[in-house]
Amino acid sequence: MRHQPWDPFRSKTEESCDEPAAGHQCADWQGELLALGAFVQGFSETLMEISQEEEAREHLSL
């Protein structure tokens, strides 16, 4: 992982992902997007489990 925060607006506009020098940068972005997607998926699954547990507790307390 890089030690700098991810900033999508920091990229150079003159480079495209088709250029050899930009290929490294595109690979970094893809890795960061995959990590972000995995985090969001894990967070949403955890949130769903917590909400289901809360609903079960409310149902039992009625």
PDB file of N, CA and C in Angstrom:
ATOM      1  N   MET A   1       0.846  -1.185   0.000  1.00  0.00           N
ATOM      2  CA  MET A   1       0.000   0.000   0.000  1.00  0.00           C
ATOM      3  C   MET A   1       0.888   1.243   0.000  1.00  0.00           C
ATOM      4  N   ARG A   2       0.392   2.251  -0.640  1.00  0.00           N
ATOM      5  CA  ARG A   2       1.100   3.521  -0.635  1.00  0.00           C
ATOM      6  C   ARG A   2       0.786   4.259   0.651  1.00  0.00           C
ATOM      7  N   HIS A   3       1.672   5.151   1.010  1.00  0.00           N
ATOM      8  CA  HIS A   3       1.491   5.910   2.245  1.00  0.00           C
ATOM      9  C   HIS A   3       0.806   7.248   2.007  1.00  0.00           C
ATOM     10  N   GLN A   4       0.435   7.519   0.766  1.00  0.00           N
ATOM     11  CA  GLN A   4      -0.248   8.766   0.449  1.00  0.00           C
ATOM     12  C   GLN A   4      -1.741   8.496   0.293  1.00  0.00           C
ATOM     13  N   PRO A   5      -2.597   9.420   0.705  1.00  0.00           N
ATOM     14  CA  PRO A   5      -4.032   9.227   0.497  1.00  0.00           C
ATOM     15  C   PRO A   5      -4.370   9.209  -0.988  1.00  0.00           C
ATOM     16  N   TRP A   6      -5.367   8.462  -1.342  1.00  0.00           N
ATOM     17  CA  TRP A   6      -5.781   8.346  -2.728  1.00  0.00           C
ATOM     18  C   TRP A   6      -6.496   9.618  -3.137  1.00  0.00           C
ATOM     19  N   ASP A   7      -6.047  10.234  -4.202  1.00  0.00           N
ATOM     20  CA  ASP A   7      -6.630  11.476  -4.689  1.00  0.00           C
ATOM     21  C   ASP A   7      -6.896  11.343  -6.178  1.00  0.00           C
ATOM     22  N   PRO A   8      -8.143  11.109  -6.596  1.00  0.00           N
ATOM     23  CA  PRO A   8      -8.430  10.907  -8.019  1.00  0.00           C
ATOM     24  C   PRO A   8      -8.221  12.159  -8.856  1.00  0.00           C
ATOM     25  N   PHE A   9      -8.199  13.333  -8.245  1.00  0.00           N
ATOM     26  CA  PHE A   9      -8.052  14.571  -9.001  1.00  0.00           C
ATOM     27  C   PHE A   9      -6.592  14.978  -9.177  1.00  0.00           C
ATOM     28  N   ARG A  10      -5.693  14.240  -8.561  1.00  0.00           N
ATOM     29  CA  ARG A  10      -4.287  14.562  -8.627  1.00  0.00           C
ATOM     30  C   ARG A  10      -3.642  14.061  -9.921  1.00  0.00           C
ATOM     31  N   SER A  11      -4.281  13.124 -10.609  1.00  0.00           N
ATOM     32  CA  SER A  11      -3.668  12.524 -11.796  1.00  0.00           C
ATOM     33  C   SER A  11      -3.449  13.557 -12.883  1.00  0.00           C
ATOM     34  N   LYS A  12      -2.476  13.303 -13.702  1.00  0.00           N
ATOM     35  CA  LYS A  12      -2.159  14.222 -14.789  1.00  0.00           C
ATOM     36  C   LYS A  12      -3.147  14.008 -15.926  1.00  0.00           C
ATOM     37  N   THR A  13      -3.715  15.071 -16.426  1.00  0.00           N
ATOM     38  CA  THR A  13      -4.739  14.946 -17.454  1.00  0.00           C
ATOM     39  C   THR A  13      -4.161  14.605 -18.813  1.00  0.00           C
ATOM     40  N   GLU A  14      -2.879  14.893 -19.043  1.00  0.00           N
ATOM     41  CA  GLU A  14      -2.304  14.617 -20.353  1.00  0.00           C
ATOM     42  C   GLU A  14      -1.952  13.145 -20.543  1.00  0.00           C
ATOM     43  N   GLU A  15      -1.902  12.362 -19.457  1.00  0.00           N
ATOM     44  CA  GLU A  15      -1.590  10.952 -19.576  1.00  0.00           C
ATOM     45  C   GLU A  15      -2.866  10.145 -19.730  1.00  0.00           C
ATOM     46  N   SER A  16      -2.805   9.130 -20.549  1.00  0.00           N
ATOM     47  CA  SER A  16      -3.923   8.204 -20.668  1.00  0.00           C
ATOM     48  C   SER A  16      -3.427   6.825 -20.286  1.00  0.00           C
ATOM     49  N   CYS A  17      -4.324   5.905 -20.076  1.00  0.00           N
ATOM     50  CA  CYS A  17      -3.937   4.563 -19.661  1.00  0.00           C
ATOM     51  C   CYS A  17      -3.310   3.784 -20.812  1.00  0.00           C
ATOM     52  N   ASP A  18      -3.370   4.291 -22.030  1.00  0.00           N
ATOM     53  CA  ASP A  18      -2.770   3.604 -23.168  1.00  0.00           C
ATOM     54  C   ASP A  18      -1.274   3.849 -23.268  1.00  0.00           C
ATOM     55  N   GLU A  19      -0.770   4.873 -22.626  1.00  0.00           N
ATOM     56  CA  GLU A  19       0.649   5.194 -22.695  1.00  0.00           C
ATOM     57  C   GLU A  19       1.434   4.281 -21.760  1.00  0.00           C
ATOM     58  N   PRO A  20       2.648   3.864 -22.170  1.00  0.00           N
ATOM     59  CA  PRO A  20       3.431   2.958 -21.317  1.00  0.00           C
ATOM     60  C   PRO A  20       3.729   3.524 -19.936  1.00  0.00           C
ATOM     61  N   ALA A  21       4.014   4.813 -19.840  1.00  0.00           N
ATOM     62  CA  ALA A  21       4.331   5.415 -18.537  1.00  0.00           C
ATOM     63  C   ALA A  21       3.119   5.445 -17.632  1.00  0.00           C
ATOM     64  N   ALA A  22       1.937   5.513 -18.226  1.00  0.00           N
ATOM     65  CA  ALA A  22       0.718   5.598 -17.420  1.00  0.00           C
ATOM     66  C   ALA A  22       0.199   4.226 -17.029  1.00  0.00           C
ATOM     67  N   GLY A  23       0.712   3.164 -17.618  1.00  0.00           N
ATOM     68  CA  GLY A  23       0.250   1.818 -17.282  1.00  0.00           C
ATOM     69  C   GLY A  23       0.445   1.491 -15.820  1.00  0.00           C
ATOM     70  N   HIS A  24       1.556   1.920 -15.260  1.00  0.00           N
ATOM     71  CA  HIS A  24       1.834   1.706 -13.835  1.00  0.00           C
ATOM     72  C   HIS A  24       0.782   2.403 -12.995  1.00  0.00           C
ATOM     73  N   GLN A  25       0.457   3.643 -13.361  1.00  0.00           N
ATOM     74  CA  GLN A  25      -0.529   4.418 -12.606  1.00  0.00           C
ATOM     75  C   GLN A  25      -1.914   3.763 -12.706  1.00  0.00           C
ATOM     76  N   CYS A  26      -2.274   3.270 -13.885  1.00  0.00           N
ATOM     77  CA  CYS A  26      -3.577   2.617 -14.050  1.00  0.00           C
ATOM     78  C   CYS A  26      -3.654   1.347 -13.219  1.00  0.00           C
ATOM     79  N   ALA A  27      -2.570   0.599 -13.172  1.00  0.00           N
ATOM     80  CA  ALA A  27      -2.555  -0.615 -12.360  1.00  0.00           C
ATOM     81  C   ALA A  27      -2.721  -0.266 -10.883  1.00  0.00           C
ATOM     82  N   ASP A  28      -2.091   0.824 -10.440  1.00  0.00           N
ATOM     83  CA  ASP A  28      -2.256   1.264  -9.051  1.00  0.00           C
ATOM     84  C   ASP A  28      -3.707   1.618  -8.767  1.00  0.00           C
ATOM     85  N   TRP A  29      -4.340   2.330  -9.689  1.00  0.00           N
ATOM     86  CA  TRP A  29      -5.733   2.732  -9.495  1.00  0.00           C
ATOM     87  C   TRP A  29      -6.643   1.519  -9.449  1.00  0.00           C
ATOM     88  N   GLN A  30      -6.384   0.549 -10.303  1.00  0.00           N
ATOM     89  CA  GLN A  30      -7.223  -0.647 -10.312  1.00  0.00           C
ATOM     90  C   GLN A  30      -7.105  -1.387  -8.991  1.00  0.00           C
ATOM     91  N   GLY A  31      -5.891  -1.477  -8.470  1.00  0.00           N
ATOM     92  CA  GLY A  31      -5.694  -2.124  -7.177  1.00  0.00           C
ATOM     93  C   GLY A  31      -6.391  -1.382  -6.056  1.00  0.00           C
ATOM     94  N   GLU A  32      -6.305  -0.059  -6.098  1.00  0.00           N
ATOM     95  CA  GLU A  32      -6.972   0.741  -5.069  1.00  0.00           C
ATOM     96  C   GLU A  32      -8.484   0.619  -5.165  1.00  0.00           C
ATOM     97  N   LEU A  33      -9.005   0.579  -6.390  1.00  0.00           N
ATOM     98  CA  LEU A  33     -10.450   0.428  -6.552  1.00  0.00           C
ATOM     99  C   LEU A  33     -10.922  -0.945  -6.092  1.00  0.00           C
ATOM    100  N   LEU A  34     -10.130  -1.984  -6.354  1.00  0.00           N
ATOM    101  CA  LEU A  34     -10.479  -3.318  -5.869  1.00  0.00           C
ATOM    102  C   LEU A  34     -10.475  -3.358  -4.345  1.00  0.00           C
ATOM    103  N   ALA A  35      -9.474  -2.726  -3.728  1.00  0.00           N
ATOM    104  CA  ALA A  35      -9.418  -2.684  -2.263  1.00  0.00           C
ATOM    105  C   ALA A  35     -10.601  -1.907  -1.698  1.00  0.00           C
ATOM    106  N   LEU A  36     -10.940  -0.802  -2.341  1.00  0.00           N
ATOM    107  CA  LEU A  36     -12.080  -0.013  -1.884  1.00  0.00           C
ATOM    108  C   LEU A  36     -13.377  -0.803  -2.031  1.00  0.00           C
ATOM    109  N   GLY A  37     -13.531  -1.507  -3.151  1.00  0.00           N
ATOM    110  CA  GLY A  37     -14.721  -2.326  -3.361  1.00  0.00           C
ATOM    111  C   GLY A  37     -14.835  -3.426  -2.322  1.00  0.00           C
ATOM    112  N   ALA A  38     -13.714  -4.060  -1.989  1.00  0.00           N
ATOM    113  CA  ALA A  38     -13.726  -5.112  -0.973  1.00  0.00           C
ATOM    114  C   ALA A  38     -14.091  -4.541   0.393  1.00  0.00           C
ATOM    115  N   PHE A  39     -13.580  -3.354   0.707  1.00  0.00           N
ATOM    116  CA  PHE A  39     -13.911  -2.713   1.980  1.00  0.00           C
ATOM    117  C   PHE A  39     -15.400  -2.395   2.059  1.00  0.00           C
ATOM    118  N   VAL A  40     -15.949  -1.826   0.985  1.00  0.00           N
ATOM    119  CA  VAL A  40     -17.359  -1.459   0.975  1.00  0.00           C
ATOM    120  C   VAL A  40     -18.224  -2.704   1.102  1.00  0.00           C
ATOM    121  N   GLN A  41     -17.854  -3.772   0.402  1.00  0.00           N
ATOM    122  CA  GLN A  41     -18.627  -5.004   0.491  1.00  0.00           C
ATOM    123  C   GLN A  41     -18.582  -5.571   1.906  1.00  0.00           C
ATOM    124  N   GLY A  42     -17.399  -5.620   2.505  1.00  0.00           N
ATOM    125  CA  GLY A  42     -17.282  -6.129   3.869  1.00  0.00           C
ATOM    126  C   GLY A  42     -18.039  -5.270   4.865  1.00  0.00           C
ATOM    127  N   PHE A  43     -17.968  -3.954   4.686  1.00  0.00           N
ATOM    128  CA  PHE A  43     -18.679  -3.044   5.580  1.00  0.00           C
ATOM    129  C   PHE A  43     -20.189  -3.247   5.468  1.00  0.00           C
ATOM    130  N   SER A  44     -20.695  -3.378   4.237  1.00  0.00           N
ATOM    131  CA  SER A  44     -22.137  -3.542   4.061  1.00  0.00           C
ATOM    132  C   SER A  44     -22.617  -4.886   4.603  1.00  0.00           C
ATOM    133  N   GLU A  45     -21.788  -5.930   4.448  1.00  0.00           N
ATOM    134  CA  GLU A  45     -22.170  -7.231   5.006  1.00  0.00           C
ATOM    135  C   GLU A  45     -22.210  -7.182   6.526  1.00  0.00           C
ATOM    136  N   THR A  46     -21.242  -6.524   7.126  1.00  0.00           N
ATOM    137  CA  THR A  46     -21.221  -6.387   8.578  1.00  0.00           C
ATOM    138  C   THR A  46     -22.416  -5.576   9.063  1.00  0.00           C
ATOM    139  N   LEU A  47     -22.719  -4.505   8.357  1.00  0.00           N
ATOM    140  CA  LEU A  47     -23.864  -3.670   8.722  1.00  0.00           C
ATOM    141  C   LEU A  47     -25.164  -4.460   8.614  1.00  0.00           C
ATOM    142  N   MET A  48     -25.283  -5.295   7.585  1.00  0.00           N
ATOM    143  CA  MET A  48     -26.484  -6.099   7.424  1.00  0.00           C
ATOM    144  C   MET A  48     -26.619  -7.103   8.567  1.00  0.00           C
ATOM    145  N   GLU A  49     -25.514  -7.727   8.960  1.00  0.00           N
ATOM    146  CA  GLU A  49     -25.556  -8.670  10.074  1.00  0.00           C
ATOM    147  C   GLU A  49     -25.974  -7.980  11.365  1.00  0.00           C
ATOM    148  N   ILE A  50     -25.442  -6.810  11.616  1.00  0.00           N
ATOM    149  CA  ILE A  50     -25.784  -6.069  12.828  1.00  0.00           C
ATOM    150  C   ILE A  50     -27.254  -5.687  12.823  1.00  0.00           C
ATOM    151  N   SER A  51     -27.755  -5.230  11.671  1.00  0.00           N
ATOM    152  CA  SER A  51     -29.163  -4.831  11.614  1.00  0.00           C
ATOM    153  C   SER A  51     -30.081  -6.035  11.785  1.00  0.00           C
ATOM    154  N   GLN A  52     -29.680  -7.198  11.267  1.00  0.00           N
ATOM    155  CA  GLN A  52     -30.492  -8.398  11.453  1.00  0.00           C
ATOM    156  C   GLN A  52     -30.512  -8.819  12.916  1.00  0.00           C
ATOM    157  N   GLU A  53     -29.380  -8.689  13.598  1.00  0.00           N
ATOM    158  CA  GLU A  53     -29.331  -9.005  15.022  1.00  0.00           C
ATOM    159  C   GLU A  53     -30.210  -8.052  15.823  1.00  0.00           C
ATOM    160  N   GLU A  54     -30.186  -6.789  15.476  1.00  0.00           N
ATOM    161  CA  GLU A  54     -31.024  -5.796  16.165  1.00  0.00           C
ATOM    162  C   GLU A  54     -32.509  -6.085  15.934  1.00  0.00           C
ATOM    163  N   GLU A  55     -32.865  -6.450  14.698  1.00  0.00           N
ATOM    164  CA  GLU A  55     -34.261  -6.777  14.417  1.00  0.00           C
ATOM    165  C   GLU A  55     -34.697  -8.000  15.197  1.00  0.00           C
ATOM    166  N   ALA A  56     -33.810  -8.990  15.322  1.00  0.00           N
ATOM    167  CA  ALA A  56     -34.137 -10.201  16.090  1.00  0.00           C
ATOM    168  C   ALA A  56     -34.325  -9.858  17.567  1.00  0.00           C
ATOM    169  N   ARG A  57     -33.484  -8.984  18.110  1.00  0.00           N
ATOM    170  CA  ARG A  57     -33.634  -8.577  19.513  1.00  0.00           C
ATOM    171  C   ARG A  57     -34.943  -7.832  19.743  1.00  0.00           C
ATOM    172  N   GLU A  58     -35.289  -6.940  18.800  1.00  0.00           N
ATOM    173  CA  GLU A  58     -36.545  -6.210  18.931  1.00  0.00           C
ATOM    174  C   GLU A  58     -37.743  -7.143  18.841  1.00  0.00           C
ATOM    175  N   HIS A  59     -37.644  -8.124  17.969  1.00  0.00           N
ATOM    176  CA  HIS A  59     -38.750  -9.076  17.813  1.00  0.00           C
ATOM    177  C   HIS A  59     -38.918  -9.919  19.070  1.00  0.00           C
ATOM    178  N   LEU A  60     -37.810 -10.318  19.690  1.00  0.00           N
ATOM    179  CA  LEU A  60     -37.876 -11.133  20.910  1.00  0.00           C
ATOM    180  C   LEU A  60     -38.360 -10.310  22.098  1.00  0.00           C
ATOM    181  N   SER A  61     -38.088  -9.022  22.104  1.00  0.00           N
ATOM    182  CA  SER A  61     -38.486  -8.206  23.246  1.00  0.00           C
ATOM    183  C   SER A  61     -39.964  -7.824  23.190  1.00  0.00           C
ATOM    184  N   LEU A  62     -40.622  -8.012  22.061  1.00  0.00           N
ATOM    185  CA  LEU A  62     -42.045  -7.670  21.966  1.00  0.00           C
ATOM    186  C   LEU A  62     -42.866  -8.680  22.609  1.00  0.00           C
TER     187      LEU A  62
END
